[in-house]
Amino acid sequence: MTMPELAGAPTDATDVQAYSDAIGRFLRKLDFTYKKRRWSPPSGAANG
């Protein structure tokens, strides 16, 4: 789910507007972060 989708959820349900930057600040304050994982090739067992 993207931040704009997350911000649109309260508007769809209750007509209360939320801003994605405010939600992002709130989530960071709660120590929720998004970190990209480094890409790695599939293991040899997956090739079968």
PDB file of N, CA and C in Angstrom:
ATOM      1  N   MET A   1       0.849  -1.166   0.000  1.00  0.00           N
ATOM      2  CA  MET A   1       0.000   0.000   0.000  1.00  0.00           C
ATOM      3  C   MET A   1       0.898   1.233   0.000  1.00  0.00           C
ATOM      4  N   THR A   2       0.573   2.164  -0.850  1.00  0.00           N
ATOM      5  CA  THR A   2       1.357   3.392  -0.915  1.00  0.00           C
ATOM      6  C   THR A   2       0.815   4.419   0.070  1.00  0.00           C
ATOM      7  N   MET A   3       1.604   5.445   0.338  1.00  0.00           N
ATOM      8  CA  MET A   3       1.167   6.486   1.266  1.00  0.00           C
ATOM      9  C   MET A   3      -0.097   7.207   0.773  1.00  0.00           C
ATOM     10  N   PRO A   4      -0.212   7.551  -0.512  1.00  0.00           N
ATOM     11  CA  PRO A   4      -1.465   8.178  -0.963  1.00  0.00           C
ATOM     12  C   PRO A   4      -2.683   7.261  -0.797  1.00  0.00           C
ATOM     13  N   GLU A   5      -2.490   5.961  -1.005  1.00  0.00           N
ATOM     14  CA  GLU A   5      -3.599   5.027  -0.778  1.00  0.00           C
ATOM     15  C   GLU A   5      -3.972   4.982   0.696  1.00  0.00           C
ATOM     16  N   LEU A   6      -2.948   4.978   1.552  1.00  0.00           N
ATOM     17  CA  LEU A   6      -3.180   4.961   2.990  1.00  0.00           C
ATOM     18  C   LEU A   6      -3.878   6.234   3.442  1.00  0.00           C
ATOM     19  N   ALA A   7      -3.499   7.367   2.868  1.00  0.00           N
ATOM     20  CA  ALA A   7      -4.137   8.634   3.223  1.00  0.00           C
ATOM     21  C   ALA A   7      -5.568   8.709   2.700  1.00  0.00           C
ATOM     22  N   GLY A   8      -5.869   8.026   1.613  1.00  0.00           N
ATOM     23  CA  GLY A   8      -7.210   8.048   1.049  1.00  0.00           C
ATOM     24  C   GLY A   8      -8.204   7.160   1.771  1.00  0.00           C
ATOM     25  N   ALA A   9      -7.734   6.199   2.550  1.00  0.00           N
ATOM     26  CA  ALA A   9      -8.626   5.270   3.244  1.00  0.00           C
ATOM     27  C   ALA A   9      -9.586   5.972   4.205  1.00  0.00           C
ATOM     28  N   PRO A  10      -9.126   6.890   5.078  1.00  0.00           N
ATOM     29  CA  PRO A  10     -10.087   7.564   5.964  1.00  0.00           C
ATOM     30  C   PRO A  10     -11.096   8.430   5.195  1.00  0.00           C
ATOM     31  N   THR A  11     -10.654   9.011   4.089  1.00  0.00           N
ATOM     32  CA  THR A  11     -11.559   9.843   3.291  1.00  0.00           C
ATOM     33  C   THR A  11     -12.676   8.992   2.714  1.00  0.00           C
ATOM     34  N   ASP A  12     -12.337   7.811   2.213  1.00  0.00           N
ATOM     35  CA  ASP A  12     -13.342   6.926   1.638  1.00  0.00           C
ATOM     36  C   ASP A  12     -14.325   6.429   2.694  1.00  0.00           C
ATOM     37  N   ALA A  13     -13.833   6.170   3.896  1.00  0.00           N
ATOM     38  CA  ALA A  13     -14.675   5.586   4.941  1.00  0.00           C
ATOM     39  C   ALA A  13     -15.485   6.630   5.715  1.00  0.00           C
ATOM     40  N   THR A  14     -14.890   7.807   6.001  1.00  0.00           N
ATOM     41  CA  THR A  14     -15.550   8.744   6.924  1.00  0.00           C
ATOM     42  C   THR A  14     -15.588  10.184   6.447  1.00  0.00           C
ATOM     43  N   ASP A  15     -15.135  10.463   5.233  1.00  0.00           N
ATOM     44  CA  ASP A  15     -15.052  11.828   4.714  1.00  0.00           C
ATOM     45  C   ASP A  15     -14.113  12.724   5.524  1.00  0.00           C
ATOM     46  N   VAL A  16     -13.140  12.121   6.214  1.00  0.00           N
ATOM     47  CA  VAL A  16     -12.106  12.860   6.931  1.00  0.00           C
ATOM     48  C   VAL A  16     -10.852  12.815   6.076  1.00  0.00           C
ATOM     49  N   GLN A  17     -10.277  13.971   5.769  1.00  0.00           N
ATOM     50  CA  GLN A  17      -9.110  14.028   4.907  1.00  0.00           C
ATOM     51  C   GLN A  17      -7.841  13.865   5.731  1.00  0.00           C
ATOM     52  N   ALA A  18      -6.984  12.953   5.285  1.00  0.00           N
ATOM     53  CA  ALA A  18      -5.681  12.750   5.911  1.00  0.00           C
ATOM     54  C   ALA A  18      -4.611  13.015   4.866  1.00  0.00           C
ATOM     55  N   TYR A  19      -3.499  13.558   5.285  1.00  0.00           N
ATOM     56  CA  TYR A  19      -2.411  13.866   4.370  1.00  0.00           C
ATOM     57  C   TYR A  19      -1.307  12.839   4.538  1.00  0.00           C
ATOM     58  N   SER A  20      -0.732  12.407   3.406  1.00  0.00           N
ATOM     59  CA  SER A  20       0.272  11.353   3.446  1.00  0.00           C
ATOM     60  C   SER A  20       1.512  11.764   4.225  1.00  0.00           C
ATOM     61  N   ASP A  21       1.903  13.032   4.182  1.00  0.00           N
ATOM     62  CA  ASP A  21       3.087  13.458   4.943  1.00  0.00           C
ATOM     63  C   ASP A  21       2.828  13.405   6.451  1.00  0.00           C
ATOM     64  N   ALA A  22       1.618  13.710   6.881  1.00  0.00           N
ATOM     65  CA  ALA A  22       1.278  13.626   8.303  1.00  0.00           C
ATOM     66  C   ALA A  22       1.260  12.171   8.768  1.00  0.00           C
ATOM     67  N   ILE A  23       0.748  11.287   7.930  1.00  0.00           N
ATOM     68  CA  ILE A  23       0.738   9.865   8.269  1.00  0.00           C
ATOM     69  C   ILE A  23       2.170   9.340   8.324  1.00  0.00           C
ATOM     70  N   GLY A  24       3.010   9.778   7.400  1.00  0.00           N
ATOM     71  CA  GLY A  24       4.410   9.363   7.399  1.00  0.00           C
ATOM     72  C   GLY A  24       5.135   9.801   8.657  1.00  0.00           C
ATOM     73  N   ARG A  25       4.916  11.037   9.083  1.00  0.00           N
ATOM     74  CA  ARG A  25       5.540  11.520  10.324  1.00  0.00           C
ATOM     75  C   ARG A  25       5.064  10.710  11.524  1.00  0.00           C
ATOM     76  N   PHE A  26       3.767  10.408  11.549  1.00  0.00           N
ATOM     77  CA  PHE A  26       3.202   9.623  12.638  1.00  0.00           C
ATOM     78  C   PHE A  26       3.821   8.224  12.681  1.00  0.00           C
ATOM     79  N   LEU A  27       3.938   7.579  11.525  1.00  0.00           N
ATOM     80  CA  LEU A  27       4.513   6.239  11.478  1.00  0.00           C
ATOM     81  C   LEU A  27       5.991   6.247  11.857  1.00  0.00           C
ATOM     82  N   ARG A  28       6.737   7.264  11.422  1.00  0.00           N
ATOM     83  CA  ARG A  28       8.147   7.363  11.812  1.00  0.00           C
ATOM     84  C   ARG A  28       8.289   7.578  13.314  1.00  0.00           C
ATOM     85  N   LYS A  29       7.369   8.334  13.903  1.00  0.00           N
ATOM     86  CA  LYS A  29       7.398   8.554  15.346  1.00  0.00           C
ATOM     87  C   LYS A  29       7.180   7.239  16.103  1.00  0.00           C
ATOM     88  N   LEU A  30       6.415   6.322  15.486  1.00  0.00           N
ATOM     89  CA  LEU A  30       6.187   5.007  16.081  1.00  0.00           C
ATOM     90  C   LEU A  30       7.270   3.997  15.681  1.00  0.00           C
ATOM     91  N   ASP A  31       8.325   4.472  15.036  1.00  0.00           N
ATOM     92  CA  ASP A  31       9.457   3.658  14.589  1.00  0.00           C
ATOM     93  C   ASP A  31       9.108   2.672  13.480  1.00  0.00           C
ATOM     94  N   PHE A  32       8.108   2.990  12.673  1.00  0.00           N
ATOM     95  CA  PHE A  32       7.835   2.209  11.476  1.00  0.00           C
ATOM     96  C   PHE A  32       8.621   2.832  10.339  1.00  0.00           C
ATOM     97  N   THR A  33       9.482   2.035   9.715  1.00  0.00           N
ATOM     98  CA  THR A  33      10.273   2.531   8.597  1.00  0.00           C
ATOM     99  C   THR A  33      10.182   1.537   7.459  1.00  0.00           C
ATOM    100  N   TYR A  34      10.542   1.988   6.281  1.00  0.00           N
ATOM    101  CA  TYR A  34      10.586   1.139   5.105  1.00  0.00           C
ATOM    102  C   TYR A  34      12.012   1.145   4.602  1.00  0.00           C
ATOM    103  N   LYS A  35      12.587  -0.029   4.522  1.00  0.00           N
ATOM    104  CA  LYS A  35      13.945  -0.129   4.022  1.00  0.00           C
ATOM    105  C   LYS A  35      13.951  -1.125   2.871  1.00  0.00           C
ATOM    106  N   LYS A  36      14.502  -0.694   1.747  1.00  0.00           N
ATOM    107  CA  LYS A  36      14.582  -1.580   0.596  1.00  0.00           C
ATOM    108  C   LYS A  36      15.563  -2.699   0.889  1.00  0.00           C
ATOM    109  N   ARG A  37      15.196  -3.887   0.444  1.00  0.00           N
ATOM    110  CA  ARG A  37      16.105  -5.015   0.587  1.00  0.00           C
ATOM    111  C   ARG A  37      17.017  -5.083  -0.621  1.00  0.00           C
ATOM    112  N   ARG A  38      18.217  -5.500  -0.389  1.00  0.00           N
ATOM    113  CA  ARG A  38      19.176  -5.667  -1.465  1.00  0.00           C
ATOM    114  C   ARG A  38      18.774  -6.880  -2.293  1.00  0.00           C
ATOM    115  N   TRP A  39      18.818  -6.740  -3.617  1.00  0.00           N
ATOM    116  CA  TRP A  39      18.438  -7.825  -4.505  1.00  0.00           C
ATOM    117  C   TRP A  39      19.472  -8.929  -4.430  1.00  0.00           C
ATOM    118  N   SER A  40      19.009 -10.171  -4.408  1.00  0.00           N
ATOM    119  CA  SER A  40      19.919 -11.308  -4.452  1.00  0.00           C
ATOM    120  C   SER A  40      19.375 -12.332  -5.430  1.00  0.00           C
ATOM    121  N   PRO A  41      20.261 -13.030  -6.141  1.00  0.00           N
ATOM    122  CA  PRO A  41      19.797 -14.022  -7.105  1.00  0.00           C
ATOM    123  C   PRO A  41      19.128 -15.203  -6.396  1.00  0.00           C
ATOM    124  N   PRO A  42      18.251 -15.902  -7.090  1.00  0.00           N
ATOM    125  CA  PRO A  42      17.607 -17.063  -6.454  1.00  0.00           C
ATOM    126  C   PRO A  42      18.635 -18.137  -6.114  1.00  0.00           C
ATOM    127  N   SER A  43      18.317 -18.913  -5.105  1.00  0.00           N
ATOM    128  CA  SER A  43      19.235 -19.973  -4.710  1.00  0.00           C
ATOM    129  C   SER A  43      19.224 -21.105  -5.729  1.00  0.00           C
ATOM    130  N   GLY A  44      20.240 -21.940  -5.700  1.00  0.00           N
ATOM    131  CA  GLY A  44      20.340 -23.052  -6.640  1.00  0.00           C
ATOM    132  C   GLY A  44      19.239 -24.086  -6.434  1.00  0.00           C
ATOM    133  N   ALA A  45      18.721 -24.206  -5.217  1.00  0.00           N
ATOM    134  CA  ALA A  45      17.649 -25.160  -4.949  1.00  0.00           C
ATOM    135  C   ALA A  45      16.354 -24.769  -5.646  1.00  0.00           C
ATOM    136  N   ALA A  46      16.158 -23.494  -5.909  1.00  0.00           N
ATOM    137  CA  ALA A  46      14.933 -23.037  -6.547  1.00  0.00           C
ATOM    138  C   ALA A  46      14.879 -23.419  -8.021  1.00  0.00           C
ATOM    139  N   ASN A  47      16.027 -23.662  -8.634  1.00  0.00           N
ATOM    140  CA  ASN A  47      16.061 -24.008 -10.051  1.00  0.00           C
ATOM    141  C   ASN A  47      15.660 -25.451 -10.308  1.00  0.00           C
ATOM    142  N   GLY A  48      15.700 -26.309  -9.278  1.00  0.00           N
ATOM    143  CA  GLY A  48      15.248 -27.678  -9.323  1.00  0.00           C
ATOM    144  C   GLY A  48      15.978 -28.504 -10.251  1.00  0.00           C
TER     145      GLY A  48
END
